[in-house]
Amino acid sequence: MPKKIRELKKILHKAGFTYRQGKGSHKVWSHSLLPDEPIIIAGKDGDDAKRYLEQQINQRLKKLENLS
């Protein structure tokens, strides 16, 4: 079962990501240790997250874990 957008945002926030508003419903999440690899999340908090988005977030979290 896919996670909700709000769950992904909570995970990113706990990992130290910050966000800025993009166009429309898009939010750009970035981390100071990965400045060239932003994550763009589109949609409302109650929407199901796309599979590629979950995979992208997991990849970024693994990179952060390896950097620490």
Protein backbone atom coordinates (compact mmCIF):
# COMPACT_ATOMS: atom_id res chain seq x y z
CA MET A 1 0.00 0.00 0.00
CA PRO A 2 1.51 3.36 -0.97
CA LYS A 3 2.33 5.93 1.65
CA LYS A 4 0.51 9.23 1.78
CA ILE A 5 2.23 12.47 0.75
CA ARG A 6 2.00 13.74 4.34
CA GLU A 7 3.96 10.70 5.57
CA LEU A 8 6.76 11.37 3.09
CA LYS A 9 6.91 15.02 4.12
CA LYS A 10 7.18 13.98 7.77
CA ILE A 11 10.03 11.59 6.96
CA LEU A 12 11.92 14.26 5.02
CA HIS A 13 11.42 16.84 7.76
CA LYS A 14 12.78 14.44 10.41
CA ALA A 15 15.82 13.75 8.19
CA GLY A 16 16.67 17.47 8.09
CA PHE A 17 15.25 18.44 4.72
CA THR A 18 13.74 21.88 4.24
CA TYR A 19 11.24 22.93 1.64
CA ARG A 20 10.30 25.90 -0.46
CA GLN A 21 7.22 26.50 -2.52
CA GLY A 22 7.34 25.61 -6.19
CA LYS A 23 4.70 26.17 -8.84
CA GLY A 24 1.16 25.17 -7.90
CA SER A 25 1.07 22.22 -5.55
CA HIS A 26 4.79 21.45 -6.00
CA LYS A 27 7.17 21.72 -3.07
CA VAL A 28 10.94 21.46 -3.48
CA TRP A 29 12.68 19.66 -0.60
CA SER A 30 16.44 19.97 -0.24
CA HIS A 31 19.13 19.06 2.27
CA SER A 32 22.34 20.98 2.98
CA LEU A 33 24.46 17.84 2.43
CA LEU A 34 22.77 17.11 -0.92
CA PRO A 35 22.30 20.56 -2.46
CA ASP A 36 22.31 19.34 -6.08
CA GLU A 37 19.69 16.63 -5.49
CA PRO A 38 16.34 18.20 -4.59
CA ILE A 39 13.16 16.18 -4.23
CA ILE A 40 10.03 17.62 -5.81
CA ILE A 41 6.73 16.55 -4.27
CA ALA A 42 3.46 17.41 -5.98
CA GLY A 43 -0.04 16.81 -4.67
CA LYS A 44 -2.15 17.19 -1.59
CA ASP A 45 -1.23 15.66 1.77
CA GLY A 46 -3.98 13.02 1.55
CA ASP A 47 -2.96 11.76 -1.90
CA ASP A 48 -1.17 8.46 -2.36
CA ALA A 49 2.51 8.88 -3.18
CA LYS A 50 3.79 7.62 -6.50
CA ARG A 51 6.13 4.65 -6.35
CA TYR A 52 8.99 6.54 -8.04
CA LEU A 53 8.75 9.25 -5.39
CA GLU A 54 9.05 6.76 -2.54
CA GLN A 55 12.07 5.17 -4.25
CA GLN A 56 13.69 8.57 -4.81
CA ILE A 57 13.27 9.48 -1.14
CA ASN A 58 14.69 6.14 0.00
CA GLN A 59 17.74 6.65 -2.24
CA ARG A 60 18.38 10.13 -0.83
CA LEU A 61 18.03 8.89 2.76
CA LYS A 62 20.56 6.13 2.08
CA LYS A 63 22.98 8.68 0.63
CA LEU A 64 22.60 10.82 3.72
CA GLU A 65 23.20 7.82 5.94
CA ASN A 66 26.42 7.04 4.06
CA LEU A 67 27.61 10.65 4.35
CA SER A 68 27.10 10.75 8.11
